[in-house]
Amino acid sequence: MSEWATLLNSYMVNPSEENASYANNTMNYCLSAAIGGKHFGMAQQVPAGTTWWGASCRPIDGDSGIDTDTAWAHVYAPDAEQKILQDDMTEKGVWICEFQTIVDALMHDLSKGPLPNGVWIAGKKYQLTKKFNETGANNEYNFLCMNVAVKGEKGHIVICTDGDLSGKACIVTAEYDKSAGCPAGMAIVVGTEFAKWLKESGTDQSDSIAC
């Protein structure tokens, strides 16, 4: 099990009492989480095959959910050709690197319309519905957040620790599904708390963040 996935589990997916946050008497959590890195001072294009450093998901049937195949199936699919619906209602095959679609979405100006290829996570196409900044009560941090969703109030909250997209940053996803008892607001809370830890510990400036 990687250190990254263990941290995701402890802070976001199955939080320890030490790291947990609460809404009334309910512990906040997300269904799955992943973490990766991007140096926004470099090219927008990431190398082929770029992906997350670790993955965690809620335990299923005795599966720990930490860097298991089940966990990765929630957040990752390898680079592949995907069918994208065009304006004329035909489908076109487009080569998709999922991590690239997330970077593209973070850098996308929503006023210019939807992303042409969408945002892809775990082989599923999501629509970028909202982008916003989290800065804390006293502007102690600046995170760029986005909601990528499908019908039924399901999707992922994506948080980048560099709200200006100018240098090294960690990128964290938090999966939510309202029907499973995990609404988007809960995912935002745990994702933001973990992003704060990444920033405060200096982890988001790791030498491993190079692409």
Protein backbone atom coordinates (compact mmCIF):
# COMPACT_ATOMS: atom_id res chain seq x y z
CA MET A 1 0.00 0.00 0.00
CA SER A 2 1.37 3.40 -0.93
CA GLU A 3 1.80 6.22 1.55
CA TRP A 4 -0.43 8.37 -0.65
CA ALA A 5 -3.36 5.96 -0.59
CA THR A 6 -3.00 5.45 3.16
CA LEU A 7 -3.19 9.22 3.68
CA LEU A 8 -6.25 9.50 1.43
CA ASN A 9 -7.95 6.78 3.42
CA SER A 10 -7.09 8.34 6.78
CA TYR A 11 -8.26 11.84 5.82
CA MET A 12 -10.98 11.41 3.20
CA VAL A 13 -12.43 7.96 2.62
CA ASN A 14 -12.45 6.31 6.03
CA PRO A 15 -11.26 9.14 8.29
CA SER A 16 -9.58 8.44 11.60
CA GLU A 17 -11.02 10.19 14.65
CA GLU A 18 -7.94 12.43 14.67
CA ASN A 19 -8.53 13.65 11.12
CA ALA A 20 -12.33 13.47 10.84
CA SER A 21 -14.66 16.42 10.32
CA TYR A 22 -18.35 16.33 11.16
CA ALA A 23 -21.66 17.70 9.91
CA ASN A 24 -23.82 17.66 13.05
CA ASN A 25 -23.20 14.10 14.30
CA THR A 26 -22.31 12.64 10.93
CA MET A 27 -18.69 11.98 10.00
CA ASN A 28 -17.80 13.45 6.60
CA TYR A 29 -16.27 11.14 4.01
CA CYS A 30 -16.13 10.51 0.26
CA LEU A 31 -16.66 7.28 -1.68
CA SER A 32 -13.19 7.27 -3.24
CA ALA A 33 -10.21 9.57 -3.57
CA ALA A 34 -7.07 9.96 -5.63
CA ILE A 35 -4.04 12.25 -5.51
CA GLY A 36 -1.57 13.38 -8.15
CA GLY A 37 0.58 16.37 -9.01
CA LYS A 38 1.05 18.98 -11.73
CA HIS A 39 3.59 21.76 -12.20
CA PHE A 40 1.50 24.50 -13.81
CA GLY A 41 4.63 26.48 -14.61
CA MET A 42 5.33 23.86 -17.28
CA ALA A 43 3.42 22.94 -20.43
CA GLN A 44 -0.31 22.25 -20.19
CA GLN A 45 0.23 18.96 -22.03
CA VAL A 46 1.16 16.14 -19.66
CA PRO A 47 3.18 13.08 -20.73
CA ALA A 48 1.14 10.13 -22.02
CA GLY A 49 0.20 7.78 -19.22
CA THR A 50 0.33 10.46 -16.51
CA THR A 51 -1.99 9.50 -13.68
CA TRP A 52 -2.55 9.45 -9.94
CA TRP A 53 -0.01 8.50 -7.29
CA GLY A 54 -2.49 6.60 -5.12
CA ALA A 55 -6.14 5.64 -4.75
CA SER A 56 -8.50 4.69 -1.94
CA CYS A 57 -12.18 3.78 -1.74
CA ARG A 58 -14.74 2.74 0.86
CA PRO A 59 -14.09 -0.88 1.97
CA ILE A 60 -16.19 -3.43 0.08
CA ASP A 61 -16.57 -7.11 1.09
CA GLY A 62 -13.44 -7.11 3.21
CA ASP A 63 -11.41 -5.20 0.62
CA SER A 64 -9.33 -2.58 2.45
CA GLY A 65 -9.92 -0.13 -0.37
CA ILE A 66 -6.33 1.16 -0.20
CA ASP A 67 -4.53 0.93 -3.56
CA THR A 68 -6.58 -2.15 -4.46
CA ASP A 69 -7.97 -2.91 -7.92
CA THR A 70 -11.36 -1.88 -6.55
CA ALA A 71 -10.02 1.50 -5.46
CA TRP A 72 -8.29 2.16 -8.77
CA ALA A 73 -11.47 1.22 -10.67
CA HIS A 74 -13.17 4.24 -9.03
CA VAL A 75 -10.61 6.80 -10.23
CA TYR A 76 -8.58 5.52 -13.17
CA ALA A 77 -8.71 4.01 -16.62
CA PRO A 78 -5.65 3.74 -18.89
CA ASP A 79 -5.16 6.03 -21.90
CA ALA A 80 -7.51 4.83 -24.62
CA GLU A 81 -9.70 5.91 -27.50
CA GLN A 82 -13.14 6.99 -26.32
CA LYS A 83 -16.24 7.80 -28.34
CA ILE A 84 -17.15 11.51 -28.07
CA LEU A 85 -20.57 12.74 -29.24
CA GLN A 86 -20.21 15.58 -31.75
CA ASP A 87 -22.52 18.55 -32.41
CA ASP A 88 -24.01 16.73 -35.42
CA MET A 89 -24.88 13.79 -33.10
CA THR A 90 -22.26 11.50 -34.63
CA GLU A 91 -19.55 9.90 -32.50
CA LYS A 92 -15.85 10.47 -33.03
CA GLY A 93 -13.03 8.41 -31.55
CA VAL A 94 -10.71 10.61 -29.42
CA TRP A 95 -7.57 9.43 -27.62
CA ILE A 96 -8.09 10.24 -23.93
CA CYS A 97 -5.55 10.60 -21.15
CA GLU A 98 -7.81 11.07 -18.14
CA PHE A 99 -5.31 13.11 -16.14
CA GLN A 100 -4.93 15.44 -19.13
CA THR A 101 -8.69 16.05 -19.21
CA ILE A 102 -8.56 17.06 -15.54
CA VAL A 103 -5.66 19.47 -16.14
CA ASP A 104 -7.50 20.88 -19.17
CA ALA A 105 -10.63 21.38 -17.08
CA LEU A 106 -8.75 23.16 -14.30
CA MET A 107 -7.35 25.57 -16.90
CA HIS A 108 -10.61 25.96 -18.83
CA ASP A 109 -12.59 29.21 -18.87
CA LEU A 110 -16.22 28.17 -18.41
CA SER A 111 -17.39 31.39 -20.08
CA LYS A 112 -16.07 29.93 -23.35
CA GLY A 113 -18.50 27.03 -23.20
CA PRO A 114 -18.17 23.34 -22.30
CA LEU A 115 -15.00 21.32 -22.67
CA PRO A 116 -15.17 19.59 -26.07
CA ASN A 117 -14.03 16.21 -24.74
CA GLY A 118 -15.42 16.46 -21.20
CA VAL A 119 -13.63 15.26 -18.07
CA TRP A 120 -12.85 11.56 -17.83
CA ILE A 121 -12.43 9.59 -14.61
CA ALA A 122 -12.38 5.78 -14.46
CA GLY A 123 -13.57 5.39 -18.04
CA LYS A 124 -16.61 7.60 -17.56
CA LYS A 125 -17.21 11.02 -19.09
CA TYR A 126 -18.26 13.81 -16.72
CA GLN A 127 -19.45 17.35 -17.37
CA LEU A 128 -17.63 20.24 -15.77
CA THR A 129 -20.50 22.01 -14.01
CA LYS A 130 -18.85 24.45 -11.62
CA LYS A 131 -15.50 25.98 -10.66
CA PHE A 132 -14.87 27.95 -7.49
CA ASN A 133 -12.08 28.98 -5.13
CA GLU A 134 -11.80 28.00 -1.48
CA THR A 135 -9.72 30.50 0.50
CA GLY A 136 -10.51 29.85 4.15
CA ALA A 137 -12.01 32.29 6.67
CA ASN A 138 -8.88 34.46 6.68
CA ASN A 139 -7.58 33.83 3.15
CA GLU A 140 -5.02 31.44 4.55
CA TYR A 141 -5.03 29.31 1.41
CA ASN A 142 -6.23 29.45 -2.19
CA PHE A 143 -7.55 26.24 -3.73
CA LEU A 144 -9.20 25.91 -7.13
CA CYS A 145 -12.11 23.49 -6.93
CA MET A 146 -14.38 22.05 -9.58
CA ASN A 147 -17.39 19.80 -9.69
CA VAL A 148 -17.54 17.21 -12.48
CA ALA A 149 -20.84 15.40 -12.52
CA VAL A 150 -23.36 13.15 -14.20
CA LYS A 151 -27.13 12.96 -13.72
CA GLY A 152 -28.29 11.76 -10.35
CA GLU A 153 -26.02 14.00 -8.27
CA LYS A 154 -23.02 11.76 -8.79
CA GLY A 155 -19.52 12.84 -9.62
CA HIS A 156 -16.18 14.01 -8.27
CA ILE A 157 -14.97 17.13 -6.56
CA VAL A 158 -11.50 18.01 -7.84
CA ILE A 159 -9.27 20.29 -5.74
CA CYS A 160 -6.00 21.88 -6.84
CA THR A 161 -3.78 23.35 -4.11
CA ASP A 162 -2.59 26.19 -6.37
CA GLY A 163 -5.61 28.37 -7.08
CA ASP A 164 -3.57 30.55 -9.46
CA LEU A 165 -2.39 27.55 -11.54
CA SER A 166 1.11 29.00 -11.65
CA GLY A 167 3.42 26.49 -9.97
CA LYS A 168 3.62 23.12 -8.24
CA ALA A 169 0.36 21.73 -6.91
CA CYS A 170 -1.30 18.57 -5.72
CA ILE A 171 -4.60 17.60 -7.33
CA VAL A 172 -7.09 15.63 -5.25
CA THR A 173 -10.38 14.01 -6.25
CA ALA A 174 -13.25 13.12 -3.94
CA GLU A 175 -16.06 10.96 -5.32
CA TYR A 176 -19.64 11.59 -4.19
CA ASP A 177 -23.06 10.05 -4.78
CA LYS A 178 -26.06 11.53 -3.00
CA SER A 179 -28.05 8.29 -3.31
CA ALA A 180 -25.27 6.48 -1.41
CA GLY A 181 -25.44 8.96 1.46
CA CYS A 182 -22.46 11.01 0.33
CA PRO A 183 -23.51 14.36 -1.19
CA ALA A 184 -21.17 16.75 -2.98
CA GLY A 185 -20.95 19.04 0.04
CA MET A 186 -19.48 16.23 2.13
CA ALA A 187 -16.87 15.50 -0.54
CA ILE A 188 -15.92 19.19 -0.67
CA VAL A 189 -15.31 19.23 3.08
CA VAL A 190 -13.02 16.20 3.20
CA GLY A 191 -11.22 17.18 0.01
CA THR A 192 -10.57 20.69 1.31
CA GLU A 193 -9.36 19.43 4.68
CA PHE A 194 -6.88 17.11 2.99
CA ALA A 195 -5.75 19.87 0.64
CA LYS A 196 -5.10 22.07 3.68
CA TRP A 197 -2.89 19.34 5.14
CA LEU A 198 -1.00 19.05 1.84
CA LYS A 199 -0.40 22.81 1.81
CA GLU A 200 0.50 23.16 5.49
CA SER A 201 2.91 20.22 5.37
CA GLY A 202 4.55 21.44 2.16
CA THR A 203 3.71 18.12 0.51
CA ASP A 204 2.21 19.91 -2.49
CA GLN A 205 5.68 21.27 -3.29
CA SER A 206 7.25 17.82 -3.54
CA ASP A 207 10.12 17.27 -5.96
CA SER A 208 8.04 14.49 -7.51
CA ILE A 209 5.71 17.12 -9.00
CA ALA A 210 7.37 17.61 -12.36
CA CYS A 211 4.92 17.24 -15.25
